[in-house]
């Protein structure tokens, strides 16, 4: 309570004082560009994925435009030690994503390399994934996929290095005949998701769908 008095939670966009469990104020919330994608229909992220690997369904929560509020939100999650932002994004997702009667079998988040995990202190996708798992009653796995090489964030790579994804990931256990919902923060080139997806597809008679927090168009 003392911390709330002297260090109140503030909107990351306009700096207004807001409730402790919020990220942005009501006015700024209206500025977030949600995609309103239909998980089961063709949409921009699904069309992009189709060029890279066989995909069942796809959903992106927000648009990731330059100078957009969604960029600030992802930045808070990944670089400002605000792991709780993952839960907020998951809550926004559950309000907009309905699996109907076709829920995937597992939720699998893209892993960080152990060195990056130690540097950051947490995987920005874990709380997001766990919150979705609890809401939809779908099991999750943070260990199905292993990242073999340490690499820079996609946003810090030049175009040439973004396509260098050989042997970055490997699958850690046998899995077959499952529908995996692959989860990542931002869809940029799609190379990372594609590399992970192919590991899952090669492992057995599996299907892959994709869920990202934001879509960079």
Protein backbone atom coordinates (compact mmCIF):
# COMPACT_ATOMS: atom_id res chain seq x y z
CA UNK A 1 0.00 0.00 0.00
CA UNK A 2 2.85 2.36 0.82
CA UNK A 3 4.45 1.67 -2.55
CA UNK A 4 1.12 2.39 -4.26
CA UNK A 5 1.01 5.78 -2.57
CA UNK A 6 4.56 6.87 -3.35
CA UNK A 7 5.00 4.95 -6.62
CA UNK A 8 1.52 4.64 -8.19
CA UNK A 9 1.02 2.60 -11.31
CA UNK A 10 0.84 4.80 -14.39
CA UNK A 11 -0.39 4.36 -17.94
CA UNK A 12 2.59 3.51 -20.13
CA UNK A 13 1.32 5.88 -22.83
CA UNK A 14 0.00 9.05 -21.17
CA UNK A 15 1.37 8.63 -17.62
CA UNK A 16 -2.01 8.95 -15.90
CA UNK A 17 -2.31 7.16 -12.56
CA UNK A 18 -4.25 3.91 -13.05
CA UNK A 19 -5.19 0.84 -11.01
CA UNK A 20 -2.32 -1.45 -10.06
CA UNK A 21 -3.46 -4.32 -12.30
CA UNK A 22 -3.81 -2.21 -15.45
CA UNK A 23 -1.33 -1.32 -18.17
CA UNK A 24 -3.00 1.62 -19.91
CA UNK A 25 -5.83 3.98 -19.01
CA UNK A 26 -9.26 3.69 -20.62
CA UNK A 27 -8.58 6.52 -23.07
CA UNK A 28 -5.31 5.01 -24.29
CA UNK A 29 -6.82 1.53 -24.45
CA UNK A 30 -9.01 2.84 -27.27
CA UNK A 31 -5.83 3.62 -29.25
CA UNK A 32 -4.64 0.01 -29.32
CA UNK A 33 -5.05 -1.41 -32.81
CA UNK A 34 -6.54 -4.85 -32.26
CA UNK A 35 -6.68 -6.98 -35.40
CA UNK A 36 -10.17 -8.48 -34.96
CA UNK A 37 -8.94 -11.52 -36.92
CA UNK A 38 -11.11 -14.61 -37.21
CA UNK A 39 -9.03 -17.58 -36.03
CA UNK A 40 -10.76 -19.96 -38.45
CA UNK A 41 -10.79 -17.73 -41.55
CA UNK A 42 -8.05 -16.46 -43.82
CA UNK A 43 -6.30 -13.45 -42.34
CA UNK A 44 -2.99 -11.69 -42.86
CA UNK A 45 -0.95 -13.81 -40.45
CA UNK A 46 -2.41 -17.04 -41.83
CA UNK A 47 -1.63 -16.02 -45.41
CA UNK A 48 1.95 -15.20 -44.43
CA UNK A 49 2.35 -18.54 -42.67
CA UNK A 50 0.94 -20.44 -45.65
CA UNK A 51 3.96 -19.30 -47.66
CA UNK A 52 6.28 -20.92 -45.12
CA UNK A 53 4.64 -24.06 -43.73
CA UNK A 54 1.30 -25.96 -43.62
CA UNK A 55 -0.95 -24.17 -41.15
CA UNK A 56 -4.42 -24.87 -39.80
CA UNK A 57 -5.52 -21.60 -38.16
CA UNK A 58 -3.95 -18.34 -37.02
CA UNK A 59 -4.63 -15.36 -34.79
CA UNK A 60 -2.83 -12.10 -33.95
CA UNK A 61 -4.06 -9.94 -31.10
CA UNK A 62 -2.68 -6.53 -32.18
CA UNK A 63 -1.11 -4.68 -35.08
CA UNK A 64 2.59 -3.94 -34.55
CA UNK A 65 2.95 -0.68 -36.44
CA UNK A 66 5.76 1.82 -36.02
CA UNK A 67 5.10 4.24 -33.16
CA UNK A 68 2.04 2.19 -32.27
CA UNK A 69 0.98 1.67 -28.66
CA UNK A 70 1.23 -2.09 -29.18
CA UNK A 71 4.97 -1.64 -29.74
CA UNK A 72 5.26 0.05 -26.35
CA UNK A 73 3.30 -2.76 -24.76
CA UNK A 74 5.55 -5.49 -26.19
CA UNK A 75 8.61 -3.44 -25.22
CA UNK A 76 7.39 -3.24 -21.61
CA UNK A 77 6.94 -7.01 -21.59
CA UNK A 78 10.28 -7.92 -23.12
CA UNK A 79 12.69 -5.25 -21.96
CA UNK A 80 11.25 -3.51 -18.88
CA UNK A 81 10.97 -6.57 -16.61
CA UNK A 82 7.18 -6.39 -16.61
CA UNK A 83 6.35 -10.07 -16.91
CA UNK A 84 2.80 -9.36 -15.71
CA UNK A 85 2.09 -7.72 -19.08
CA UNK A 86 1.88 -11.28 -20.44
CA UNK A 87 -1.18 -11.94 -18.28
CA UNK A 88 -2.83 -8.70 -19.38
CA UNK A 89 -2.28 -9.60 -23.05
CA UNK A 90 -3.65 -13.08 -22.41
CA UNK A 91 -6.79 -11.60 -20.82
CA UNK A 92 -7.28 -9.39 -23.88
CA UNK A 93 -6.81 -12.46 -26.07
CA UNK A 94 -9.43 -14.54 -24.27
CA UNK A 95 -11.94 -11.74 -24.86
CA UNK A 96 -11.36 -11.97 -28.62
CA UNK A 97 -10.42 -15.58 -29.43
CA UNK A 98 -12.97 -18.39 -29.43
CA UNK A 99 -11.77 -21.89 -30.31
CA UNK A 100 -15.38 -23.09 -30.42
CA UNK A 101 -15.29 -26.90 -30.50
CA UNK A 102 -11.88 -27.12 -32.19
CA UNK A 103 -9.42 -26.46 -29.40
CA UNK A 104 -5.78 -27.40 -30.08
CA UNK A 105 -4.25 -30.21 -28.04
CA UNK A 106 -1.27 -28.27 -26.67
CA UNK A 107 -0.04 -24.70 -26.31
CA UNK A 108 3.67 -24.42 -27.08
CA UNK A 109 5.63 -21.18 -26.71
CA UNK A 110 8.75 -20.34 -28.70
CA UNK A 111 11.67 -20.89 -26.28
CA UNK A 112 14.52 -18.58 -25.38
CA UNK A 113 18.11 -19.79 -25.33
CA UNK A 114 19.21 -20.48 -21.71
CA UNK A 115 21.67 -17.56 -21.93
CA UNK A 116 18.93 -15.14 -23.04
CA UNK A 117 16.59 -16.55 -20.38
CA UNK A 118 19.21 -15.86 -17.72
CA UNK A 119 19.77 -12.33 -19.03
CA UNK A 120 16.07 -11.46 -19.10
CA UNK A 121 15.09 -13.46 -16.03
CA UNK A 122 11.94 -14.86 -17.62
CA UNK A 123 10.49 -15.94 -20.95
CA UNK A 124 8.02 -13.25 -21.99
CA UNK A 125 5.70 -15.93 -23.42
CA UNK A 126 5.38 -18.18 -20.38
CA UNK A 127 2.87 -16.26 -18.26
CA UNK A 128 0.89 -15.42 -21.40
CA UNK A 129 0.75 -19.10 -22.36
CA UNK A 130 -0.04 -20.30 -18.84
CA UNK A 131 -2.90 -17.80 -18.50
CA UNK A 132 -4.39 -18.97 -21.80
CA UNK A 133 -3.94 -22.59 -20.72
CA UNK A 134 -5.84 -21.97 -17.51
CA UNK A 135 -8.68 -20.12 -19.26
CA UNK A 136 -9.19 -22.50 -22.18
CA UNK A 137 -8.32 -25.67 -20.22
CA UNK A 138 -5.66 -26.64 -22.77
CA UNK A 139 -2.36 -28.15 -21.53
CA UNK A 140 0.86 -26.30 -22.31
CA UNK A 141 4.50 -27.24 -22.72
CA UNK A 142 7.48 -24.92 -22.32
CA UNK A 143 9.92 -27.77 -22.96
CA UNK A 144 8.73 -29.40 -26.18
CA UNK A 145 11.00 -27.19 -28.27
CA UNK A 146 14.61 -26.38 -27.42
CA UNK A 147 16.54 -23.40 -28.79
CA UNK A 148 20.03 -24.60 -29.65
CA UNK A 149 21.79 -21.35 -30.47
CA UNK A 150 21.95 -17.96 -28.84
CA UNK A 151 20.88 -15.20 -31.23
CA UNK A 152 19.90 -11.54 -31.29
CA UNK A 153 16.27 -10.50 -31.15
CA UNK A 154 14.61 -10.39 -34.57
CA UNK A 155 14.17 -6.65 -34.29
CA UNK A 156 17.94 -6.19 -33.92
CA UNK A 157 18.92 -8.33 -36.91
CA UNK A 158 19.43 -7.16 -40.43
CA UNK A 159 17.43 -8.83 -43.19
CA UNK A 160 20.22 -11.23 -44.16
CA UNK A 161 20.58 -12.64 -40.68
CA UNK A 162 16.83 -12.97 -40.19
CA UNK A 163 16.72 -15.83 -42.69
CA UNK A 164 19.59 -17.75 -41.08
CA UNK A 165 17.53 -20.16 -39.00
CA UNK A 166 19.20 -23.52 -39.69
CA UNK A 167 19.26 -25.88 -36.70
CA UNK A 168 18.20 -23.17 -34.29
CA UNK A 169 15.50 -25.35 -32.74
CA UNK A 170 15.03 -29.03 -32.00
CA UNK A 171 12.19 -31.08 -30.55
CA UNK A 172 12.84 -32.70 -27.17
CA UNK A 173 10.27 -35.49 -27.06
CA UNK A 174 8.24 -37.69 -29.34
CA UNK A 175 4.89 -36.22 -30.25
CA UNK A 176 2.53 -37.43 -32.95
CA UNK A 177 -1.06 -36.91 -34.03
CA UNK A 178 -1.45 -33.66 -32.11
CA UNK A 179 -2.69 -30.18 -32.98
CA UNK A 180 -0.18 -27.69 -31.57
CA UNK A 181 -0.92 -24.01 -31.09
CA UNK A 182 2.45 -22.32 -31.48
CA UNK A 183 2.77 -19.05 -29.54
CA UNK A 184 5.14 -16.13 -30.15
CA UNK A 185 5.21 -12.41 -29.36
CA UNK A 186 5.61 -10.63 -32.71
CA UNK A 187 5.27 -12.02 -36.22
CA UNK A 188 7.90 -10.28 -38.36
CA UNK A 189 9.35 -12.37 -41.19
CA UNK A 190 7.83 -15.60 -39.90
CA UNK A 191 11.17 -17.40 -40.11
CA UNK A 192 11.32 -18.25 -36.40
CA UNK A 193 7.79 -19.63 -36.32
CA UNK A 194 8.42 -21.52 -39.54
CA UNK A 195 11.53 -23.21 -38.14
CA UNK A 196 9.71 -24.30 -34.97
CA UNK A 197 6.63 -25.39 -36.94
CA UNK A 198 8.66 -27.66 -39.22
CA UNK A 199 10.25 -29.37 -36.21
CA UNK A 200 6.76 -30.15 -34.91
CA UNK A 201 5.46 -31.23 -38.31
CA UNK A 202 8.47 -33.49 -38.96
CA UNK A 203 8.08 -35.18 -35.58
CA UNK A 204 4.91 -37.00 -36.57
CA UNK A 205 1.42 -36.62 -37.93
CA UNK A 206 0.96 -33.25 -36.25
CA UNK A 207 -0.89 -30.08 -37.16
CA UNK A 208 0.17 -26.51 -36.34
CA UNK A 209 -1.77 -23.33 -35.69
CA UNK A 210 -0.27 -19.97 -34.69
CA UNK A 211 -1.07 -17.34 -32.08
CA UNK A 212 0.98 -14.14 -31.80
CA UNK A 213 0.60 -11.12 -29.59
CA UNK A 214 1.19 -8.75 -32.48
CA UNK A 215 1.48 -8.82 -36.29
CA UNK A 216 4.07 -6.61 -37.97
CA UNK A 217 2.60 -5.71 -41.38
